[in-house]
């Protein structure tokens, strides 16, 4: 069984933000306070370093969501 990262939840400044990874490997950033009802494309997940994933805009990673990939 293979698990892929599908979501990253960050916390800081008394609210949550997220990054969503699509099935194509593209990462999308969502922060309802700044992006409204849209997401910002951040590029290919494979090009992110660990340090870039652990913190973002002063917020710490607190939850990772995985999904099973059917082979």
PDB file of N, CA and C in Angstrom:
ATOM      1  N   UNK A   1       0.841  -1.165   0.000  1.00  0.00           N
ATOM      2  CA  UNK A   1       0.000   0.000   0.000  1.00  0.00           C
ATOM      3  C   UNK A   1       0.898   1.244   0.000  1.00  0.00           C
ATOM      4  N   UNK A   2       0.534   2.211  -0.799  1.00  0.00           N
ATOM      5  CA  UNK A   2       1.259   3.473  -0.885  1.00  0.00           C
ATOM      6  C   UNK A   2       0.353   4.591  -0.378  1.00  0.00           C
ATOM      7  N   UNK A   3       0.900   5.464   0.468  1.00  0.00           N
ATOM      8  CA  UNK A   3       0.156   6.616   0.973  1.00  0.00           C
ATOM      9  C   UNK A   3       0.806   7.889   0.453  1.00  0.00           C
ATOM     10  N   UNK A   4       0.009   8.784  -0.075  1.00  0.00           N
ATOM     11  CA  UNK A   4       0.493  10.087  -0.538  1.00  0.00           C
ATOM     12  C   UNK A   4      -0.025  11.182   0.378  1.00  0.00           C
ATOM     13  N   UNK A   5       0.759  12.230   0.528  1.00  0.00           N
ATOM     14  CA  UNK A   5       0.324  13.393   1.297  1.00  0.00           C
ATOM     15  C   UNK A   5      -0.741  14.117   0.482  1.00  0.00           C
ATOM     16  N   UNK A   6      -1.885  14.377   1.103  1.00  0.00           N
ATOM     17  CA  UNK A   6      -2.980  15.080   0.433  1.00  0.00           C
ATOM     18  C   UNK A   6      -3.314  16.404   1.108  1.00  0.00           C
ATOM     19  N   UNK A   7      -2.904  16.565   2.374  1.00  0.00           N
ATOM     20  CA  UNK A   7      -3.197  17.812   3.061  1.00  0.00           C
ATOM     21  C   UNK A   7      -2.216  18.089   4.179  1.00  0.00           C
ATOM     22  N   UNK A   8      -1.958  19.369   4.405  1.00  0.00           N
ATOM     23  CA  UNK A   8      -1.091  19.825   5.488  1.00  0.00           C
ATOM     24  C   UNK A   8      -1.831  20.944   6.211  1.00  0.00           C
ATOM     25  N   UNK A   9      -1.979  20.823   7.524  1.00  0.00           N
ATOM     26  CA  UNK A   9      -2.691  21.819   8.311  1.00  0.00           C
ATOM     27  C   UNK A   9      -1.678  22.536   9.199  1.00  0.00           C
ATOM     28  N   UNK A  10      -1.739  23.865   9.185  1.00  0.00           N
ATOM     29  CA  UNK A  10      -0.826  24.709   9.963  1.00  0.00           C
ATOM     30  C   UNK A  10      -1.615  25.507  10.986  1.00  0.00           C
ATOM     31  N   UNK A  11      -0.949  25.833  12.113  1.00  0.00           N
ATOM     32  CA  UNK A  11      -1.592  26.654  13.135  1.00  0.00           C
ATOM     33  C   UNK A  11      -0.639  27.751  13.596  1.00  0.00           C
ATOM     34  N   UNK A  12      -1.190  28.901  13.802  1.00  0.00           N
ATOM     35  CA  UNK A  12      -0.448  30.047  14.316  1.00  0.00           C
ATOM     36  C   UNK A  12      -1.334  31.278  14.256  1.00  0.00           C
ATOM     37  N   UNK A  13      -1.030  32.266  15.057  1.00  0.00           N
ATOM     38  CA  UNK A  13      -1.828  33.498  15.097  1.00  0.00           C
ATOM     39  C   UNK A  13      -3.296  33.206  15.384  1.00  0.00           C
ATOM     40  N   UNK A  14      -3.561  32.170  16.175  1.00  0.00           N
ATOM     41  CA  UNK A  14      -4.900  31.824  16.647  1.00  0.00           C
ATOM     42  C   UNK A  14      -5.857  31.331  15.558  1.00  0.00           C
ATOM     43  N   UNK A  15      -5.331  30.843  14.424  1.00  0.00           N
ATOM     44  CA  UNK A  15      -6.199  30.232  13.415  1.00  0.00           C
ATOM     45  C   UNK A  15      -5.401  29.256  12.559  1.00  0.00           C
ATOM     46  N   UNK A  16      -6.115  28.511  11.726  1.00  0.00           N
ATOM     47  CA  UNK A  16      -5.528  27.454  10.912  1.00  0.00           C
ATOM     48  C   UNK A  16      -5.458  27.858   9.442  1.00  0.00           C
ATOM     49  N   UNK A  17      -4.444  27.342   8.743  1.00  0.00           N
ATOM     50  CA  UNK A  17      -4.337  27.461   7.291  1.00  0.00           C
ATOM     51  C   UNK A  17      -4.005  26.070   6.757  1.00  0.00           C
ATOM     52  N   UNK A  18      -4.059  25.906   5.452  1.00  0.00           N
ATOM     53  CA  UNK A  18      -3.787  24.576   4.917  1.00  0.00           C
ATOM     54  C   UNK A  18      -3.113  24.631   3.558  1.00  0.00           C
ATOM     55  N   UNK A  19      -2.485  23.518   3.251  1.00  0.00           N
ATOM     56  CA  UNK A  19      -1.968  23.246   1.920  1.00  0.00           C
ATOM     57  C   UNK A  19      -2.617  21.949   1.471  1.00  0.00           C
ATOM     58  N   UNK A  20      -3.074  21.935   0.240  1.00  0.00           N
ATOM     59  CA  UNK A  20      -3.756  20.775  -0.317  1.00  0.00           C
ATOM     60  C   UNK A  20      -2.925  20.275  -1.492  1.00  0.00           C
ATOM     61  N   UNK A  21      -2.695  18.969  -1.537  1.00  0.00           N
ATOM     62  CA  UNK A  21      -1.928  18.389  -2.641  1.00  0.00           C
ATOM     63  C   UNK A  21      -2.877  17.622  -3.544  1.00  0.00           C
ATOM     64  N   UNK A  22      -2.924  17.996  -4.804  1.00  0.00           N
ATOM     65  CA  UNK A  22      -3.788  17.331  -5.770  1.00  0.00           C
ATOM     66  C   UNK A  22      -3.195  16.024  -6.245  1.00  0.00           C
ATOM     67  N   UNK A  23      -3.988  15.250  -6.958  1.00  0.00           N
ATOM     68  CA  UNK A  23      -3.511  13.974  -7.477  1.00  0.00           C
ATOM     69  C   UNK A  23      -2.408  14.164  -8.512  1.00  0.00           C
ATOM     70  N   UNK A  24      -2.289  15.372  -9.052  1.00  0.00           N
ATOM     71  CA  UNK A  24      -1.225  15.679 -10.018  1.00  0.00           C
ATOM     72  C   UNK A  24       0.066  16.143  -9.339  1.00  0.00           C
ATOM     73  N   UNK A  25       0.068  16.219  -7.987  1.00  0.00           N
ATOM     74  CA  UNK A  25       1.254  16.621  -7.245  1.00  0.00           C
ATOM     75  C   UNK A  25       1.388  18.118  -7.037  1.00  0.00           C
ATOM     76  N   UNK A  26       0.431  18.887  -7.507  1.00  0.00           N
ATOM     77  CA  UNK A  26       0.478  20.340  -7.320  1.00  0.00           C
ATOM     78  C   UNK A  26      -0.020  20.699  -5.926  1.00  0.00           C
ATOM     79  N   UNK A  27       0.627  21.682  -5.307  1.00  0.00           N
ATOM     80  CA  UNK A  27       0.290  22.123  -3.958  1.00  0.00           C
ATOM     81  C   UNK A  27      -0.479  23.440  -4.046  1.00  0.00           C
ATOM     82  N   UNK A  28      -1.570  23.503  -3.289  1.00  0.00           N
ATOM     83  CA  UNK A  28      -2.412  24.689  -3.240  1.00  0.00           C
ATOM     84  C   UNK A  28      -2.490  25.174  -1.802  1.00  0.00           C
ATOM     85  N   UNK A  29      -2.325  26.484  -1.599  1.00  0.00           N
ATOM     86  CA  UNK A  29      -2.373  27.084  -0.266  1.00  0.00           C
ATOM     87  C   UNK A  29      -3.730  27.731  -0.045  1.00  0.00           C
ATOM     88  N   UNK A  30      -4.310  27.511   1.144  1.00  0.00           N
ATOM     89  CA  UNK A  30      -5.585  28.121   1.487  1.00  0.00           C
ATOM     90  C   UNK A  30      -5.504  28.784   2.855  1.00  0.00           C
ATOM     91  N   UNK A  31      -5.889  30.040   2.901  1.00  0.00           N
ATOM     92  CA  UNK A  31      -5.994  30.807   4.138  1.00  0.00           C
ATOM     93  C   UNK A  31      -7.218  31.704   3.975  1.00  0.00           C
ATOM     94  N   UNK A  32      -8.319  31.300   4.571  1.00  0.00           N
ATOM     95  CA  UNK A  32      -9.575  32.019   4.395  1.00  0.00           C
ATOM     96  C   UNK A  32      -9.508  33.492   4.723  1.00  0.00           C
ATOM     97  N   UNK A  33      -8.588  33.883   5.610  1.00  0.00           N
ATOM     98  CA  UNK A  33      -8.486  35.297   5.986  1.00  0.00           C
ATOM     99  C   UNK A  33      -7.782  36.135   4.919  1.00  0.00           C
ATOM    100  N   UNK A  34      -6.902  35.499   4.131  1.00  0.00           N
ATOM    101  CA  UNK A  34      -6.162  36.277   3.130  1.00  0.00           C
ATOM    102  C   UNK A  34      -6.495  35.891   1.690  1.00  0.00           C
ATOM    103  N   UNK A  35      -6.821  34.622   1.464  1.00  0.00           N
ATOM    104  CA  UNK A  35      -7.114  34.202   0.094  1.00  0.00           C
ATOM    105  C   UNK A  35      -8.611  34.157  -0.203  1.00  0.00           C
ATOM    106  N   UNK A  36      -9.422  34.406   0.811  1.00  0.00           N
ATOM    107  CA  UNK A  36     -10.865  34.375   0.601  1.00  0.00           C
ATOM    108  C   UNK A  36     -11.344  32.978   0.275  1.00  0.00           C
ATOM    109  N   UNK A  37     -12.108  32.858  -0.805  1.00  0.00           N
ATOM    110  CA  UNK A  37     -12.635  31.538  -1.156  1.00  0.00           C
ATOM    111  C   UNK A  37     -11.831  30.863  -2.268  1.00  0.00           C
ATOM    112  N   UNK A  38     -10.599  31.302  -2.471  1.00  0.00           N
ATOM    113  CA  UNK A  38      -9.761  30.685  -3.505  1.00  0.00           C
ATOM    114  C   UNK A  38      -8.458  30.156  -2.901  1.00  0.00           C
ATOM    115  N   UNK A  39      -7.758  29.347  -3.674  1.00  0.00           N
ATOM    116  CA  UNK A  39      -6.463  28.790  -3.268  1.00  0.00           C
ATOM    117  C   UNK A  39      -5.374  29.347  -4.172  1.00  0.00           C
ATOM    118  N   UNK A  40      -4.144  29.391  -3.640  1.00  0.00           N
ATOM    119  CA  UNK A  40      -2.997  29.858  -4.420  1.00  0.00           C
ATOM    120  C   UNK A  40      -2.121  28.662  -4.793  1.00  0.00           C
ATOM    121  N   UNK A  41      -1.781  28.543  -6.064  1.00  0.00           N
ATOM    122  CA  UNK A  41      -0.916  27.466  -6.532  1.00  0.00           C
ATOM    123  C   UNK A  41       0.518  27.749  -6.081  1.00  0.00           C
ATOM    124  N   UNK A  42       1.138  26.741  -5.446  1.00  0.00           N
ATOM    125  CA  UNK A  42       2.501  26.895  -4.947  1.00  0.00           C
ATOM    126  C   UNK A  42       3.516  26.026  -5.672  1.00  0.00           C
ATOM    127  N   UNK A  43       3.087  25.217  -6.599  1.00  0.00           N
ATOM    128  CA  UNK A  43       4.028  24.407  -7.361  1.00  0.00           C
ATOM    129  C   UNK A  43       3.974  22.932  -7.033  1.00  0.00           C
ATOM    130  N   UNK A  44       4.991  22.216  -7.481  1.00  0.00           N
ATOM    131  CA  UNK A  44       5.083  20.768  -7.398  1.00  0.00           C
ATOM    132  C   UNK A  44       5.540  20.310  -6.010  1.00  0.00           C
ATOM    133  N   UNK A  45       4.791  19.392  -5.408  1.00  0.00           N
ATOM    134  CA  UNK A  45       5.102  18.893  -4.065  1.00  0.00           C
ATOM    135  C   UNK A  45       6.520  18.326  -3.980  1.00  0.00           C
ATOM    136  N   UNK A  46       6.970  17.648  -5.014  1.00  0.00           N
ATOM    137  CA  UNK A  46       8.294  17.013  -4.997  1.00  0.00           C
ATOM    138  C   UNK A  46       9.435  18.019  -4.897  1.00  0.00           C
ATOM    139  N   UNK A  47       9.178  19.287  -5.162  1.00  0.00           N
ATOM    140  CA  UNK A  47      10.224  20.311  -5.094  1.00  0.00           C
ATOM    141  C   UNK A  47      10.278  21.022  -3.747  1.00  0.00           C
ATOM    142  N   UNK A  48       9.393  20.651  -2.808  1.00  0.00           N
ATOM    143  CA  UNK A  48       9.372  21.256  -1.481  1.00  0.00           C
ATOM    144  C   UNK A  48      10.395  20.563  -0.585  1.00  0.00           C
ATOM    145  N   UNK A  49      11.156  21.339   0.158  1.00  0.00           N
ATOM    146  CA  UNK A  49      12.077  20.769   1.149  1.00  0.00           C
ATOM    147  C   UNK A  49      11.302  20.506   2.438  1.00  0.00           C
ATOM    148  N   UNK A  50      11.869  19.677   3.305  1.00  0.00           N
ATOM    149  CA  UNK A  50      11.222  19.388   4.587  1.00  0.00           C
ATOM    150  C   UNK A  50      11.011  20.654   5.402  1.00  0.00           C
ATOM    151  N   UNK A  51      12.016  21.520   5.420  1.00  0.00           N
ATOM    152  CA  UNK A  51      11.895  22.750   6.209  1.00  0.00           C
ATOM    153  C   UNK A  51      10.800  23.660   5.653  1.00  0.00           C
ATOM    154  N   UNK A  52      10.603  23.628   4.345  1.00  0.00           N
ATOM    155  CA  UNK A  52       9.549  24.444   3.733  1.00  0.00           C
ATOM    156  C   UNK A  52       8.165  23.892   4.086  1.00  0.00           C
ATOM    157  N   UNK A  53       8.078  22.602   4.358  1.00  0.00           N
ATOM    158  CA  UNK A  53       6.801  21.997   4.723  1.00  0.00           C
ATOM    159  C   UNK A  53       6.488  22.135   6.208  1.00  0.00           C
ATOM    160  N   UNK A  54       7.510  22.159   7.063  1.00  0.00           N
ATOM    161  CA  UNK A  54       7.289  22.178   8.511  1.00  0.00           C
ATOM    162  C   UNK A  54       6.786  23.518   9.036  1.00  0.00           C
ATOM    163  N   UNK A  55       7.118  24.602   8.366  1.00  0.00           N
ATOM    164  CA  UNK A  55       6.666  25.934   8.773  1.00  0.00           C
ATOM    165  C   UNK A  55       6.280  26.714   7.539  1.00  0.00           C
ATOM    166  N   UNK A  56       5.261  27.566   7.690  1.00  0.00           N
ATOM    167  CA  UNK A  56       4.859  28.403   6.571  1.00  0.00           C
ATOM    168  C   UNK A  56       4.240  29.691   7.088  1.00  0.00           C
ATOM    169  N   UNK A  57       4.791  30.803   6.675  1.00  0.00           N
ATOM    170  CA  UNK A  57       4.309  32.135   7.063  1.00  0.00           C
ATOM    171  C   UNK A  57       4.139  32.250   8.575  1.00  0.00           C
ATOM    172  N   UNK A  58       5.123  31.727   9.304  1.00  0.00           N
ATOM    173  CA  UNK A  58       5.111  31.823  10.761  1.00  0.00           C
ATOM    174  C   UNK A  58       4.228  30.812  11.463  1.00  0.00           C
ATOM    175  N   UNK A  59       3.627  29.918  10.721  1.00  0.00           N
ATOM    176  CA  UNK A  59       2.759  28.907  11.311  1.00  0.00           C
ATOM    177  C   UNK A  59       3.445  27.545  11.274  1.00  0.00           C
ATOM    178  N   UNK A  60       3.145  26.709  12.283  1.00  0.00           N
ATOM    179  CA  UNK A  60       3.759  25.389  12.390  1.00  0.00           C
ATOM    180  C   UNK A  60       2.825  24.313  11.869  1.00  0.00           C
ATOM    181  N   UNK A  61       3.419  23.324  11.205  1.00  0.00           N
ATOM    182  CA  UNK A  61       2.674  22.163  10.735  1.00  0.00           C
ATOM    183  C   UNK A  61       2.194  21.367  11.947  1.00  0.00           C
ATOM    184  N   UNK A  62       0.883  21.068  11.994  1.00  0.00           N
ATOM    185  CA  UNK A  62       0.351  20.310  13.128  1.00  0.00           C
ATOM    186  C   UNK A  62      -0.340  19.014  12.722  1.00  0.00           C
ATOM    187  N   UNK A  63      -0.700  18.888  11.427  1.00  0.00           N
ATOM    188  CA  UNK A  63      -1.413  17.695  10.992  1.00  0.00           C
ATOM    189  C   UNK A  63      -1.115  17.417   9.522  1.00  0.00           C
ATOM    190  N   UNK A  64      -0.883  16.147   9.207  1.00  0.00           N
ATOM    191  CA  UNK A  64      -0.675  15.729   7.820  1.00  0.00           C
ATOM    192  C   UNK A  64      -1.760  14.717   7.482  1.00  0.00           C
ATOM    193  N   UNK A  65      -2.408  14.911   6.337  1.00  0.00           N
ATOM    194  CA  UNK A  65      -3.464  14.015   5.871  1.00  0.00           C
ATOM    195  C   UNK A  65      -2.901  13.183   4.724  1.00  0.00           C
ATOM    196  N   UNK A  66      -3.042  11.858   4.840  1.00  0.00           N
ATOM    197  CA  UNK A  66      -2.575  10.938   3.815  1.00  0.00           C
ATOM    198  C   UNK A  66      -3.774  10.249   3.162  1.00  0.00           C
ATOM    199  N   UNK A  67      -3.590   9.830   1.920  1.00  0.00           N
ATOM    200  CA  UNK A  67      -4.616   9.042   1.221  1.00  0.00           C
ATOM    201  C   UNK A  67      -3.944   7.869   0.531  1.00  0.00           C
ATOM    202  N   UNK A  68      -4.627   6.758   0.504  1.00  0.00           N
ATOM    203  CA  UNK A  68      -4.106   5.546  -0.141  1.00  0.00           C
ATOM    204  C   UNK A  68      -4.158   5.715  -1.657  1.00  0.00           C
ATOM    205  N   UNK A  69      -3.096   5.289  -2.300  1.00  0.00           N
ATOM    206  CA  UNK A  69      -3.019   5.347  -3.752  1.00  0.00           C
ATOM    207  C   UNK A  69      -3.263   3.936  -4.275  1.00  0.00           C
ATOM    208  N   UNK A  70      -4.201   3.818  -5.180  1.00  0.00           N
ATOM    209  CA  UNK A  70      -4.464   2.528  -5.810  1.00  0.00           C
ATOM    210  C   UNK A  70      -3.447   2.304  -6.915  1.00  0.00           C
ATOM    211  N   UNK A  71      -2.733   1.222  -6.879  1.00  0.00           N
ATOM    212  CA  UNK A  71      -1.727   0.918  -7.887  1.00  0.00           C
ATOM    213  C   UNK A  71      -2.282   0.044  -8.983  1.00  0.00           C
TER     214      UNK A  71
END
